[in-house]
């Protein structure tokens, strides 16, 4: 399977989620996203309003992360956070699931939390992070299915803050069990154009990476698609 370069670029979420991020860093993130035509920039809630101002009138979407990166905050906090990032201009949300609730067998709590965030974002895009590195295959299938049932548009493999990031086998597993209309976002440790191609071939629909510019330059400098 091959992909056109522009199609690949439009599947990339360019991220800057470091705790020491500055306005200058986010400005560069947004300018690069405009230049290369990435799908979205993914930023912490504090920068959503700023990124939205910088990207106003462009096709690049702003994605705010909530409950990030641990997911263990209270449901009410995630709901409030979702409401605020939407107000500030985010049309997409990457939400870290409550792994503690899931590991405790509180599946209804997991679904309820996701469903409430789904209501807040409305027609926006909701990507639910399941952090595959902490799950066995059976748990990955169950948690991804719970998130799908609760209204997730995408299942995201990783935050990039765990002990391991995206894996090809996880994307293939999720693609086998999820509905065709449910997207998969591979994220965590993806730093090259070849890795991006491999994840897309495996069934990923979006790629989250902090190396988006490097990847774009590799793609644009290569005749291989």
N, C-alpha and C. Protein backbone atom coordinates (compact mmCIF):
# COMPACT_ATOMS: atom_id res chain seq x y z
N UNK A 1 0.85 -1.20 0.00
CA UNK A 1 0.00 0.00 0.00
C UNK A 1 0.89 1.25 0.00
N UNK A 2 0.56 2.19 -0.86
CA UNK A 2 1.34 3.43 -0.93
C UNK A 2 0.43 4.62 -0.64
N UNK A 3 1.05 5.72 -0.24
CA UNK A 3 0.32 6.93 0.10
C UNK A 3 0.99 8.12 -0.56
N UNK A 4 0.18 9.04 -1.06
CA UNK A 4 0.72 10.29 -1.59
C UNK A 4 1.28 11.11 -0.44
N UNK A 5 2.33 11.86 -0.73
CA UNK A 5 2.99 12.64 0.32
C UNK A 5 2.02 13.59 1.01
N UNK A 6 1.22 14.31 0.24
CA UNK A 6 0.29 15.26 0.84
C UNK A 6 -0.75 14.56 1.71
N UNK A 7 -1.13 13.36 1.32
CA UNK A 7 -2.08 12.59 2.13
C UNK A 7 -1.44 12.20 3.46
N UNK A 8 -0.17 11.85 3.42
CA UNK A 8 0.53 11.51 4.67
C UNK A 8 0.60 12.72 5.58
N UNK A 9 0.98 13.87 5.02
CA UNK A 9 1.10 15.09 5.83
C UNK A 9 -0.22 15.44 6.50
N UNK A 10 -1.33 15.22 5.82
CA UNK A 10 -2.64 15.54 6.36
C UNK A 10 -3.12 14.55 7.42
N UNK A 11 -2.33 13.51 7.66
CA UNK A 11 -2.66 12.53 8.70
C UNK A 11 -1.81 12.74 9.96
N UNK A 12 -0.97 13.75 9.95
CA UNK A 12 -0.04 13.96 11.06
C UNK A 12 -0.57 14.99 12.05
N UNK A 13 -0.56 14.62 13.33
CA UNK A 13 -0.80 15.57 14.43
C UNK A 13 0.57 15.96 14.98
N UNK A 14 0.94 17.21 14.78
CA UNK A 14 2.24 17.70 15.25
C UNK A 14 2.10 18.13 16.71
N UNK A 15 2.90 17.55 17.58
CA UNK A 15 2.70 17.74 19.01
C UNK A 15 3.86 18.48 19.67
N UNK A 16 3.52 19.24 20.71
CA UNK A 16 4.52 19.82 21.61
C UNK A 16 3.90 19.83 23.00
N UNK A 17 4.19 18.80 23.75
CA UNK A 17 3.53 18.59 25.04
C UNK A 17 4.51 18.57 26.20
N UNK A 18 5.69 19.10 25.97
CA UNK A 18 6.69 19.14 27.04
C UNK A 18 6.25 20.09 28.16
N UNK A 19 6.58 19.76 29.40
CA UNK A 19 6.16 20.62 30.52
C UNK A 19 6.82 21.99 30.51
N UNK A 20 7.94 22.13 29.79
CA UNK A 20 8.64 23.43 29.74
C UNK A 20 8.40 24.18 28.43
N UNK A 21 7.31 23.85 27.74
CA UNK A 21 6.99 24.52 26.48
C UNK A 21 6.77 26.02 26.72
N UNK A 22 7.22 26.83 25.77
CA UNK A 22 7.03 28.28 25.84
C UNK A 22 6.13 28.73 24.70
N UNK A 23 5.68 29.96 24.76
CA UNK A 23 4.86 30.51 23.68
C UNK A 23 5.64 30.49 22.36
N UNK A 24 6.94 30.72 22.43
CA UNK A 24 7.77 30.67 21.22
C UNK A 24 7.75 29.29 20.60
N UNK A 25 7.80 28.25 21.45
CA UNK A 25 7.73 26.87 20.95
C UNK A 25 6.40 26.61 20.25
N UNK A 26 5.33 27.07 20.84
CA UNK A 26 4.00 26.82 20.27
C UNK A 26 3.80 27.64 18.99
N UNK A 27 4.36 28.82 18.96
CA UNK A 27 4.28 29.63 17.74
C UNK A 27 4.98 28.91 16.59
N UNK A 28 6.16 28.37 16.86
CA UNK A 28 6.89 27.62 15.84
C UNK A 28 6.10 26.38 15.41
N UNK A 29 5.52 25.70 16.37
CA UNK A 29 4.70 24.52 16.08
C UNK A 29 3.59 24.86 15.10
N UNK A 30 2.90 25.97 15.36
CA UNK A 30 1.76 26.37 14.53
C UNK A 30 2.21 26.84 13.15
N UNK A 31 3.31 27.59 13.09
CA UNK A 31 3.79 28.05 11.80
C UNK A 31 4.24 26.88 10.92
N UNK A 32 4.88 25.91 11.53
CA UNK A 32 5.30 24.73 10.77
C UNK A 32 4.09 23.92 10.31
N UNK A 33 3.08 23.83 11.15
CA UNK A 33 1.87 23.09 10.76
C UNK A 33 1.19 23.75 9.57
N UNK A 34 1.17 25.07 9.56
CA UNK A 34 0.61 25.79 8.40
C UNK A 34 1.45 25.53 7.16
N UNK A 35 2.74 25.56 7.33
CA UNK A 35 3.66 25.39 6.19
C UNK A 35 3.50 24.03 5.54
N UNK A 36 3.41 22.97 6.36
CA UNK A 36 3.41 21.62 5.82
C UNK A 36 2.01 21.02 5.67
N UNK A 37 0.99 21.69 6.20
CA UNK A 37 -0.37 21.20 6.04
C UNK A 37 -0.71 19.99 6.89
N UNK A 38 -0.22 19.99 8.14
CA UNK A 38 -0.54 18.89 9.04
C UNK A 38 -2.02 18.91 9.42
N UNK A 39 -2.51 17.78 9.89
CA UNK A 39 -3.92 17.69 10.30
C UNK A 39 -4.21 18.62 11.47
N UNK A 40 -3.34 18.58 12.47
CA UNK A 40 -3.60 19.33 13.70
C UNK A 40 -2.31 19.58 14.46
N UNK A 41 -2.37 20.54 15.36
CA UNK A 41 -1.33 20.69 16.38
C UNK A 41 -1.95 20.21 17.69
N UNK A 42 -1.15 19.51 18.46
CA UNK A 42 -1.63 18.95 19.72
C UNK A 42 -0.87 19.62 20.86
N UNK A 43 -1.60 20.34 21.72
CA UNK A 43 -0.96 21.15 22.76
C UNK A 43 -1.67 20.96 24.10
N UNK A 44 -0.97 21.33 25.15
CA UNK A 44 -1.58 21.31 26.48
C UNK A 44 -2.65 22.40 26.58
N UNK A 45 -3.63 22.24 27.48
CA UNK A 45 -4.74 23.18 27.57
C UNK A 45 -4.33 24.65 27.69
N UNK A 46 -3.25 24.90 28.39
CA UNK A 46 -2.80 26.29 28.59
C UNK A 46 -2.56 27.00 27.26
N UNK A 47 -2.18 26.25 26.23
CA UNK A 47 -1.83 26.87 24.95
C UNK A 47 -2.92 26.77 23.89
N UNK A 48 -4.07 26.21 24.21
CA UNK A 48 -5.11 26.03 23.20
C UNK A 48 -5.58 27.37 22.64
N UNK A 49 -5.84 28.34 23.49
CA UNK A 49 -6.33 29.64 23.01
C UNK A 49 -5.28 30.30 22.10
N UNK A 50 -4.02 30.25 22.52
CA UNK A 50 -2.94 30.85 21.75
C UNK A 50 -2.80 30.17 20.38
N UNK A 51 -2.80 28.85 20.36
CA UNK A 51 -2.69 28.12 19.10
C UNK A 51 -3.89 28.40 18.19
N UNK A 52 -5.06 28.51 18.78
CA UNK A 52 -6.26 28.78 17.99
C UNK A 52 -6.19 30.15 17.32
N UNK A 53 -5.64 31.11 18.03
CA UNK A 53 -5.46 32.45 17.44
C UNK A 53 -4.48 32.42 16.28
N UNK A 54 -3.40 31.67 16.45
CA UNK A 54 -2.37 31.59 15.42
C UNK A 54 -2.85 30.86 14.17
N UNK A 55 -3.76 29.90 14.35
CA UNK A 55 -4.20 29.06 13.23
C UNK A 55 -5.57 29.45 12.69
N UNK A 56 -6.12 30.55 13.18
CA UNK A 56 -7.43 31.01 12.71
C UNK A 56 -7.40 31.21 11.20
N UNK A 57 -8.41 30.70 10.52
CA UNK A 57 -8.52 30.85 9.07
C UNK A 57 -7.74 29.83 8.27
N UNK A 58 -7.08 28.88 8.94
CA UNK A 58 -6.36 27.82 8.25
C UNK A 58 -7.12 26.51 8.39
N UNK A 59 -6.67 25.49 7.68
CA UNK A 59 -7.29 24.17 7.78
C UNK A 59 -6.69 23.33 8.90
N UNK A 60 -5.63 23.83 9.53
CA UNK A 60 -5.00 23.09 10.62
C UNK A 60 -5.86 23.18 11.87
N UNK A 61 -6.20 22.05 12.45
CA UNK A 61 -7.05 22.04 13.63
C UNK A 61 -6.21 22.09 14.90
N UNK A 62 -6.83 22.55 15.97
CA UNK A 62 -6.18 22.58 17.27
C UNK A 62 -6.74 21.45 18.12
N UNK A 63 -5.84 20.66 18.67
CA UNK A 63 -6.22 19.54 19.53
C UNK A 63 -5.71 19.82 20.93
N UNK A 64 -6.61 19.80 21.90
CA UNK A 64 -6.22 19.96 23.29
C UNK A 64 -6.22 18.62 24.00
N UNK A 65 -5.20 18.38 24.82
CA UNK A 65 -5.17 17.14 25.60
C UNK A 65 -5.84 17.37 26.94
N UNK A 66 -6.55 16.35 27.42
CA UNK A 66 -7.18 16.47 28.74
C UNK A 66 -6.91 15.21 29.56
N UNK A 67 -6.80 15.40 30.86
CA UNK A 67 -6.45 14.30 31.74
C UNK A 67 -5.09 13.72 31.39
N UNK A 68 -4.23 14.55 30.88
CA UNK A 68 -2.97 14.11 30.29
C UNK A 68 -1.80 14.36 31.23
N UNK A 69 -0.84 13.44 31.34
CA UNK A 69 -0.75 12.17 30.63
C UNK A 69 -1.20 10.94 31.43
N UNK A 70 -1.59 11.12 32.69
CA UNK A 70 -1.88 9.95 33.54
C UNK A 70 -3.32 9.47 33.45
N UNK A 71 -4.27 10.38 33.25
CA UNK A 71 -5.67 10.00 33.15
C UNK A 71 -6.36 9.75 34.47
N UNK A 72 -5.64 9.93 35.58
CA UNK A 72 -6.18 9.53 36.88
C UNK A 72 -6.84 10.68 37.65
N UNK A 73 -7.10 11.78 36.97
CA UNK A 73 -7.81 12.86 37.64
C UNK A 73 -9.31 12.55 37.67
N UNK A 74 -10.07 13.38 38.32
CA UNK A 74 -11.50 13.14 38.48
C UNK A 74 -12.27 13.41 37.18
N UNK A 75 -13.36 12.67 37.02
CA UNK A 75 -14.20 12.84 35.84
C UNK A 75 -14.65 14.29 35.70
N UNK A 76 -15.03 14.91 36.80
CA UNK A 76 -15.51 16.29 36.75
C UNK A 76 -14.44 17.25 36.24
N UNK A 77 -13.20 16.95 36.56
CA UNK A 77 -12.08 17.78 36.09
C UNK A 77 -11.90 17.62 34.59
N UNK A 78 -11.98 16.39 34.10
CA UNK A 78 -11.84 16.15 32.66
C UNK A 78 -12.97 16.82 31.88
N UNK A 79 -14.17 16.74 32.41
CA UNK A 79 -15.32 17.36 31.75
C UNK A 79 -15.14 18.88 31.69
N UNK A 80 -14.71 19.47 32.80
CA UNK A 80 -14.47 20.91 32.83
C UNK A 80 -13.35 21.30 31.89
N UNK A 81 -12.31 20.49 31.85
CA UNK A 81 -11.17 20.75 30.97
C UNK A 81 -11.61 20.69 29.51
N UNK A 82 -12.42 19.68 29.19
CA UNK A 82 -12.93 19.54 27.82
C UNK A 82 -13.77 20.75 27.42
N UNK A 83 -14.61 21.20 28.33
CA UNK A 83 -15.46 22.36 28.06
C UNK A 83 -14.61 23.60 27.78
N UNK A 84 -13.56 23.79 28.55
CA UNK A 84 -12.71 24.97 28.40
C UNK A 84 -11.89 24.93 27.11
N UNK A 85 -11.29 23.78 26.80
CA UNK A 85 -10.48 23.76 25.57
C UNK A 85 -11.36 23.92 24.34
N UNK A 86 -12.58 23.42 24.39
CA UNK A 86 -13.50 23.66 23.28
C UNK A 86 -13.81 25.15 23.18
N UNK A 87 -14.09 25.78 24.31
CA UNK A 87 -14.38 27.21 24.34
C UNK A 87 -13.22 28.02 23.77
N UNK A 88 -11.99 27.58 24.04
CA UNK A 88 -10.80 28.30 23.62
C UNK A 88 -10.39 28.00 22.18
N UNK A 89 -11.12 27.11 21.51
CA UNK A 89 -10.87 26.91 20.08
C UNK A 89 -10.48 25.52 19.64
N UNK A 90 -10.38 24.56 20.55
CA UNK A 90 -10.03 23.20 20.15
C UNK A 90 -11.22 22.53 19.47
N UNK A 91 -10.98 21.96 18.30
CA UNK A 91 -12.01 21.18 17.62
C UNK A 91 -11.74 19.69 17.75
N UNK A 92 -10.61 19.36 18.39
CA UNK A 92 -10.27 17.97 18.66
C UNK A 92 -9.76 17.87 20.10
N UNK A 93 -10.00 16.71 20.71
CA UNK A 93 -9.53 16.43 22.06
C UNK A 93 -8.85 15.07 22.07
N UNK A 94 -7.67 15.01 22.66
CA UNK A 94 -7.01 13.75 22.97
C UNK A 94 -7.15 13.54 24.47
N UNK A 95 -7.93 12.55 24.82
CA UNK A 95 -8.28 12.32 26.23
C UNK A 95 -7.61 11.06 26.74
N UNK A 96 -6.88 11.19 27.84
CA UNK A 96 -6.30 10.00 28.47
C UNK A 96 -7.36 9.30 29.31
N UNK A 97 -7.56 8.03 29.02
CA UNK A 97 -8.57 7.25 29.73
C UNK A 97 -8.13 7.04 31.19
N UNK A 98 -9.09 6.72 32.03
CA UNK A 98 -8.78 6.45 33.43
C UNK A 98 -8.35 4.99 33.58
N UNK A 99 -7.05 4.75 33.45
CA UNK A 99 -6.53 3.39 33.55
C UNK A 99 -6.73 2.79 34.93
N UNK A 100 -6.69 3.64 35.95
CA UNK A 100 -6.89 3.14 37.31
C UNK A 100 -8.28 2.55 37.46
N UNK A 101 -9.27 3.23 36.92
CA UNK A 101 -10.64 2.71 36.97
C UNK A 101 -10.74 1.41 36.17
N UNK A 102 -10.12 1.41 34.99
CA UNK A 102 -10.18 0.21 34.15
C UNK A 102 -9.52 -0.98 34.84
N UNK A 103 -8.34 -0.77 35.38
CA UNK A 103 -7.62 -1.86 36.04
C UNK A 103 -8.35 -2.34 37.29
N UNK A 104 -9.21 -1.49 37.83
CA UNK A 104 -10.00 -1.86 39.01
C UNK A 104 -11.33 -2.51 38.64
N UNK A 105 -11.55 -2.69 37.34
CA UNK A 105 -12.78 -3.34 36.89
C UNK A 105 -13.99 -2.42 36.85
N UNK A 106 -13.76 -1.10 36.96
CA UNK A 106 -14.86 -0.13 36.96
C UNK A 106 -15.18 0.30 35.53
N UNK A 107 -15.65 -0.64 34.73
CA UNK A 107 -15.85 -0.38 33.31
C UNK A 107 -16.95 0.65 33.04
N UNK A 108 -17.99 0.64 33.86
CA UNK A 108 -19.05 1.63 33.69
C UNK A 108 -18.52 3.05 33.92
N UNK A 109 -17.63 3.20 34.90
CA UNK A 109 -17.03 4.51 35.16
C UNK A 109 -16.20 4.98 33.96
N UNK A 110 -15.46 4.06 33.38
CA UNK A 110 -14.65 4.39 32.21
C UNK A 110 -15.52 4.88 31.08
N UNK A 111 -16.58 4.14 30.79
CA UNK A 111 -17.47 4.51 29.68
C UNK A 111 -18.20 5.82 29.97
N UNK A 112 -18.65 6.00 31.20
CA UNK A 112 -19.38 7.22 31.56
C UNK A 112 -18.51 8.46 31.38
N UNK A 113 -17.27 8.37 31.80
CA UNK A 113 -16.36 9.51 31.68
C UNK A 113 -16.15 9.89 30.21
N UNK A 114 -15.89 8.89 29.38
CA UNK A 114 -15.68 9.15 27.95
C UNK A 114 -16.95 9.72 27.32
N UNK A 115 -18.09 9.15 27.66
CA UNK A 115 -19.36 9.60 27.10
C UNK A 115 -19.66 11.05 27.47
N UNK A 116 -19.31 11.46 28.69
CA UNK A 116 -19.55 12.84 29.09
C UNK A 116 -18.65 13.81 28.34
N UNK A 117 -17.42 13.42 28.10
CA UNK A 117 -16.53 14.26 27.30
C UNK A 117 -17.03 14.31 25.87
N UNK A 118 -17.54 13.19 25.37
CA UNK A 118 -18.11 13.14 24.03
C UNK A 118 -19.23 14.17 23.88
N UNK A 119 -20.09 14.27 24.89
CA UNK A 119 -21.18 15.24 24.85
C UNK A 119 -20.65 16.66 24.78
N UNK A 120 -19.59 16.93 25.52
CA UNK A 120 -19.03 18.28 25.55
C UNK A 120 -18.49 18.69 24.20
N UNK A 121 -17.75 17.82 23.56
CA UNK A 121 -17.09 18.20 22.30
C UNK A 121 -18.05 18.21 21.12
N UNK A 122 -19.21 17.58 21.27
CA UNK A 122 -20.23 17.65 20.22
C UNK A 122 -19.74 17.06 18.90
N UNK A 123 -19.69 17.89 17.87
CA UNK A 123 -19.29 17.43 16.55
C UNK A 123 -17.77 17.39 16.39
N UNK A 124 -17.04 17.80 17.41
CA UNK A 124 -15.59 17.74 17.35
C UNK A 124 -15.09 16.30 17.37
N UNK A 125 -13.80 16.16 17.23
CA UNK A 125 -13.17 14.84 17.17
C UNK A 125 -12.64 14.44 18.54
N UNK A 126 -13.02 13.25 18.99
CA UNK A 126 -12.56 12.74 20.28
C UNK A 126 -11.65 11.54 20.07
N UNK A 127 -10.40 11.69 20.52
CA UNK A 127 -9.43 10.60 20.47
C UNK A 127 -9.15 10.14 21.90
N UNK A 128 -9.36 8.88 22.16
CA UNK A 128 -9.19 8.34 23.51
C UNK A 128 -7.90 7.53 23.57
N UNK A 129 -7.02 7.92 24.48
CA UNK A 129 -5.71 7.27 24.63
C UNK A 129 -5.85 6.11 25.61
N UNK A 130 -5.43 4.92 25.19
CA UNK A 130 -5.55 3.76 26.07
C UNK A 130 -4.21 3.32 26.66
N UNK A 131 -3.11 3.90 26.24
CA UNK A 131 -1.76 3.62 26.77
C UNK A 131 -1.47 2.11 26.76
N UNK A 132 -1.27 1.60 25.54
CA UNK A 132 -1.13 0.16 25.32
C UNK A 132 0.00 -0.49 26.12
N UNK A 133 1.03 0.26 26.46
CA UNK A 133 2.18 -0.35 27.13
C UNK A 133 1.84 -0.91 28.51
N UNK A 134 0.71 -0.50 29.07
CA UNK A 134 0.30 -1.00 30.38
C UNK A 134 -0.74 -2.11 30.30
N UNK A 135 -1.06 -2.58 29.08
CA UNK A 135 -2.15 -3.52 28.88
C UNK A 135 -1.69 -4.77 28.15
N UNK A 136 -2.31 -5.91 28.49
CA UNK A 136 -2.12 -7.09 27.65
C UNK A 136 -3.12 -7.02 26.49
N UNK A 137 -3.02 -7.95 25.56
CA UNK A 137 -3.87 -7.88 24.36
C UNK A 137 -5.35 -7.93 24.70
N UNK A 138 -5.72 -8.76 25.65
CA UNK A 138 -7.13 -8.87 26.04
C UNK A 138 -7.62 -7.53 26.60
N UNK A 139 -6.80 -6.89 27.41
CA UNK A 139 -7.17 -5.59 27.98
C UNK A 139 -7.24 -4.51 26.91
N UNK A 140 -6.33 -4.55 25.95
CA UNK A 140 -6.35 -3.57 24.85
C UNK A 140 -7.67 -3.66 24.09
N UNK A 141 -8.07 -4.88 23.79
CA UNK A 141 -9.32 -5.09 23.05
C UNK A 141 -10.51 -4.60 23.85
N UNK A 142 -10.55 -4.95 25.13
CA UNK A 142 -11.67 -4.56 25.98
C UNK A 142 -11.74 -3.05 26.15
N UNK A 143 -10.61 -2.42 26.46
CA UNK A 143 -10.62 -0.98 26.70
C UNK A 143 -10.93 -0.20 25.43
N UNK A 144 -10.35 -0.62 24.32
CA UNK A 144 -10.65 0.04 23.04
C UNK A 144 -12.12 -0.09 22.69
N UNK A 145 -12.70 -1.24 22.97
CA UNK A 145 -14.12 -1.45 22.67
C UNK A 145 -15.01 -0.59 23.57
N UNK A 146 -14.63 -0.47 24.85
CA UNK A 146 -15.38 0.40 25.76
C UNK A 146 -15.35 1.84 25.28
N UNK A 147 -14.18 2.30 24.85
CA UNK A 147 -14.04 3.67 24.38
C UNK A 147 -14.84 3.89 23.10
N UNK A 148 -14.81 2.92 22.22
CA UNK A 148 -15.57 3.00 20.97
C UNK A 148 -17.07 3.10 21.27
N UNK A 149 -17.54 2.25 22.17
CA UNK A 149 -18.96 2.26 22.53
C UNK A 149 -19.37 3.58 23.17
N UNK A 150 -18.44 4.23 23.87
CA UNK A 150 -18.74 5.48 24.56
C UNK A 150 -18.66 6.70 23.65
N UNK A 151 -18.24 6.49 22.40
CA UNK A 151 -18.27 7.60 21.45
C UNK A 151 -16.94 8.10 20.93
N UNK A 152 -15.87 7.36 21.16
CA UNK A 152 -14.56 7.77 20.65
C UNK A 152 -14.55 7.72 19.12
N UNK A 153 -13.98 8.75 18.51
CA UNK A 153 -13.78 8.75 17.06
C UNK A 153 -12.50 8.01 16.69
N UNK A 154 -11.52 8.11 17.57
CA UNK A 154 -10.23 7.44 17.38
C UNK A 154 -9.81 6.77 18.68
N UNK A 155 -9.11 5.67 18.56
CA UNK A 155 -8.39 5.08 19.68
C UNK A 155 -6.91 5.39 19.47
N UNK A 156 -6.30 5.99 20.47
CA UNK A 156 -4.89 6.39 20.37
C UNK A 156 -4.05 5.44 21.22
N UNK A 157 -2.93 5.02 20.67
CA UNK A 157 -2.14 3.97 21.31
C UNK A 157 -1.43 4.41 22.58
N UNK A 158 -0.94 5.65 22.61
CA UNK A 158 0.01 6.01 23.66
C UNK A 158 0.04 7.52 23.89
N UNK A 159 0.49 7.91 25.08
CA UNK A 159 0.72 9.33 25.35
C UNK A 159 2.11 9.76 24.91
N UNK A 160 3.04 8.81 24.86
CA UNK A 160 4.43 9.14 24.64
C UNK A 160 5.18 9.37 25.94
N UNK A 161 4.46 9.31 27.06
CA UNK A 161 5.06 9.50 28.37
C UNK A 161 5.22 8.19 29.14
N UNK A 162 4.70 7.10 28.58
CA UNK A 162 4.81 5.79 29.22
C UNK A 162 6.14 5.13 28.90
N UNK A 163 6.37 3.92 29.40
CA UNK A 163 7.63 3.23 29.16
C UNK A 163 7.81 2.74 27.72
N UNK A 164 6.75 2.75 26.93
CA UNK A 164 6.85 2.37 25.51
C UNK A 164 5.79 3.15 24.73
N UNK A 165 6.08 3.36 23.45
CA UNK A 165 5.16 4.11 22.61
C UNK A 165 4.40 3.20 21.66
N UNK A 166 4.13 3.73 20.47
CA UNK A 166 3.34 2.99 19.49
C UNK A 166 4.07 1.76 18.99
N UNK A 167 3.30 0.68 18.77
CA UNK A 167 3.84 -0.55 18.21
C UNK A 167 2.95 -1.01 17.06
N UNK A 168 3.60 -1.50 16.02
CA UNK A 168 2.87 -1.96 14.84
C UNK A 168 1.85 -3.04 15.21
N UNK A 169 2.25 -3.96 16.07
CA UNK A 169 1.34 -5.06 16.43
C UNK A 169 0.09 -4.56 17.15
N UNK A 170 0.22 -3.46 17.91
CA UNK A 170 -0.95 -2.90 18.58
C UNK A 170 -1.92 -2.29 17.58
N UNK A 171 -1.37 -1.59 16.59
CA UNK A 171 -2.23 -1.00 15.56
C UNK A 171 -2.96 -2.10 14.79
N UNK A 172 -2.26 -3.15 14.44
CA UNK A 172 -2.89 -4.26 13.71
C UNK A 172 -3.98 -4.92 14.55
N UNK A 173 -3.70 -5.09 15.84
CA UNK A 173 -4.69 -5.69 16.75
C UNK A 173 -5.94 -4.82 16.82
N UNK A 174 -5.75 -3.53 17.03
CA UNK A 174 -6.89 -2.62 17.14
C UNK A 174 -7.69 -2.56 15.84
N UNK A 175 -6.98 -2.59 14.71
CA UNK A 175 -7.68 -2.51 13.43
C UNK A 175 -8.55 -3.74 13.21
N UNK A 176 -8.13 -4.87 13.74
CA UNK A 176 -8.93 -6.10 13.58
C UNK A 176 -10.22 -6.05 14.37
N UNK A 177 -10.20 -5.38 15.53
CA UNK A 177 -11.35 -5.46 16.42
C UNK A 177 -12.27 -4.23 16.39
N UNK A 178 -11.77 -3.11 15.93
CA UNK A 178 -12.59 -1.90 15.90
C UNK A 178 -13.43 -1.83 14.64
N UNK A 179 -14.49 -1.05 14.71
CA UNK A 179 -15.31 -0.82 13.52
C UNK A 179 -14.50 -0.06 12.47
N UNK A 180 -14.81 -0.26 11.19
CA UNK A 180 -14.06 0.43 10.13
C UNK A 180 -14.09 1.95 10.27
N UNK A 181 -15.19 2.47 10.79
CA UNK A 181 -15.31 3.93 10.91
C UNK A 181 -14.58 4.50 12.12
N UNK A 182 -14.12 3.66 13.03
CA UNK A 182 -13.36 4.12 14.18
C UNK A 182 -11.89 4.21 13.80
N UNK A 183 -11.32 5.40 13.93
CA UNK A 183 -9.95 5.60 13.54
C UNK A 183 -8.96 5.13 14.60
N UNK A 184 -7.72 4.99 14.19
CA UNK A 184 -6.63 4.65 15.09
C UNK A 184 -5.55 5.71 14.96
N UNK A 185 -5.12 6.23 16.09
CA UNK A 185 -4.00 7.18 16.10
C UNK A 185 -2.81 6.50 16.76
N UNK A 186 -1.73 6.36 15.99
CA UNK A 186 -0.48 5.82 16.52
C UNK A 186 0.38 6.98 17.00
N UNK A 187 0.88 6.88 18.21
CA UNK A 187 1.70 7.96 18.76
C UNK A 187 2.69 7.40 19.77
N UNK A 188 3.81 8.10 19.91
CA UNK A 188 4.82 7.69 20.87
C UNK A 188 6.01 7.05 20.18
N UNK A 189 7.10 7.81 20.04
CA UNK A 189 8.33 7.26 19.47
C UNK A 189 8.38 7.20 17.96
N UNK A 190 7.46 7.84 17.27
CA UNK A 190 7.47 7.84 15.80
C UNK A 190 8.28 9.05 15.34
N UNK A 191 9.43 8.79 14.73
CA UNK A 191 10.37 9.88 14.43
C UNK A 191 10.88 9.89 13.00
N UNK A 192 10.41 8.97 12.17
CA UNK A 192 10.90 8.93 10.78
C UNK A 192 9.76 8.72 9.80
N UNK A 193 10.01 9.10 8.56
CA UNK A 193 9.01 8.93 7.50
C UNK A 193 8.71 7.45 7.28
N UNK A 194 9.73 6.61 7.37
CA UNK A 194 9.51 5.18 7.16
C UNK A 194 8.61 4.60 8.25
N UNK A 195 8.81 5.04 9.50
CA UNK A 195 7.92 4.58 10.57
C UNK A 195 6.48 5.01 10.29
N UNK A 196 6.30 6.24 9.83
CA UNK A 196 4.95 6.72 9.51
C UNK A 196 4.31 5.83 8.47
N UNK A 197 5.04 5.52 7.41
CA UNK A 197 4.50 4.65 6.36
C UNK A 197 4.11 3.28 6.92
N UNK A 198 4.98 2.74 7.79
CA UNK A 198 4.70 1.42 8.36
C UNK A 198 3.43 1.42 9.19
N UNK A 199 3.22 2.48 9.97
CA UNK A 199 2.02 2.55 10.80
C UNK A 199 0.77 2.76 9.95
N UNK A 200 0.87 3.54 8.90
CA UNK A 200 -0.27 3.73 8.02
C UNK A 200 -0.63 2.42 7.32
N UNK A 201 0.37 1.70 6.88
CA UNK A 201 0.11 0.41 6.23
C UNK A 201 -0.51 -0.59 7.20
N UNK A 202 -0.16 -0.47 8.47
CA UNK A 202 -0.70 -1.39 9.49
C UNK A 202 -2.14 -1.08 9.83
N UNK A 203 -2.61 0.11 9.46
CA UNK A 203 -4.01 0.45 9.72
C UNK A 203 -4.24 1.73 10.49
N UNK A 204 -3.18 2.47 10.80
CA UNK A 204 -3.35 3.75 11.49
C UNK A 204 -3.95 4.79 10.54
N UNK A 205 -4.75 5.68 11.10
CA UNK A 205 -5.37 6.75 10.33
C UNK A 205 -4.73 8.11 10.64
N UNK A 206 -4.21 8.26 11.84
CA UNK A 206 -3.51 9.47 12.26
C UNK A 206 -2.19 9.07 12.90
N UNK A 207 -1.23 9.98 12.82
CA UNK A 207 0.07 9.79 13.44
C UNK A 207 0.34 10.97 14.35
N UNK A 208 0.61 10.70 15.62
CA UNK A 208 1.00 11.76 16.53
C UNK A 208 2.50 11.74 16.73
N UNK A 209 3.15 12.89 16.55
CA UNK A 209 4.60 12.91 16.65
C UNK A 209 5.12 14.31 16.97
N UNK A 210 6.19 14.35 17.73
CA UNK A 210 6.87 15.62 17.99
C UNK A 210 7.98 15.84 16.98
N UNK A 211 8.11 14.91 16.02
CA UNK A 211 9.13 15.02 14.96
C UNK A 211 8.48 15.29 13.61
N UNK A 212 7.37 15.99 13.62
CA UNK A 212 6.59 16.19 12.39
C UNK A 212 7.38 16.92 11.30
N UNK A 213 8.13 17.94 11.67
CA UNK A 213 8.89 18.70 10.67
C UNK A 213 9.97 17.83 10.04
N UNK A 214 10.69 17.09 10.86
CA UNK A 214 11.72 16.18 10.34
C UNK A 214 11.10 15.18 9.38
N UNK A 215 9.97 14.64 9.75
CA UNK A 215 9.28 13.66 8.90
C UNK A 215 8.83 14.30 7.60
N UNK A 216 8.27 15.50 7.68
CA UNK A 216 7.82 16.21 6.47
C UNK A 216 8.98 16.47 5.53
N UNK A 217 10.11 16.88 6.08
CA UNK A 217 11.28 17.16 5.24
C UNK A 217 11.81 15.89 4.59
N UNK A 218 11.75 14.78 5.32
CA UNK A 218 12.15 13.49 4.74
C UNK A 218 11.22 13.12 3.59
N UNK A 219 9.93 13.29 3.81
CA UNK A 219 8.96 12.93 2.77
C UNK A 219 9.13 13.80 1.52
N UNK A 220 9.26 15.07 1.73
CA UNK A 220 9.36 16.00 0.60
C UNK A 220 10.68 15.89 -0.13
N UNK A 221 11.67 15.33 0.56
CA UNK A 221 12.98 15.16 -0.08
C UNK A 221 13.17 13.80 -0.70
N UNK A 222 12.11 13.00 -0.65
CA UNK A 222 12.21 11.63 -1.18
C UNK A 222 11.19 11.42 -2.27
N UNK A 223 11.54 10.61 -3.24
CA UNK A 223 10.59 10.29 -4.32
C UNK A 223 9.70 9.12 -3.93
N UNK A 224 10.07 8.43 -2.84
CA UNK A 224 9.27 7.26 -2.41
C UNK A 224 8.05 7.72 -1.66
N UNK A 225 6.88 7.20 -2.01
CA UNK A 225 5.65 7.49 -1.27
C UNK A 225 4.98 6.19 -0.85
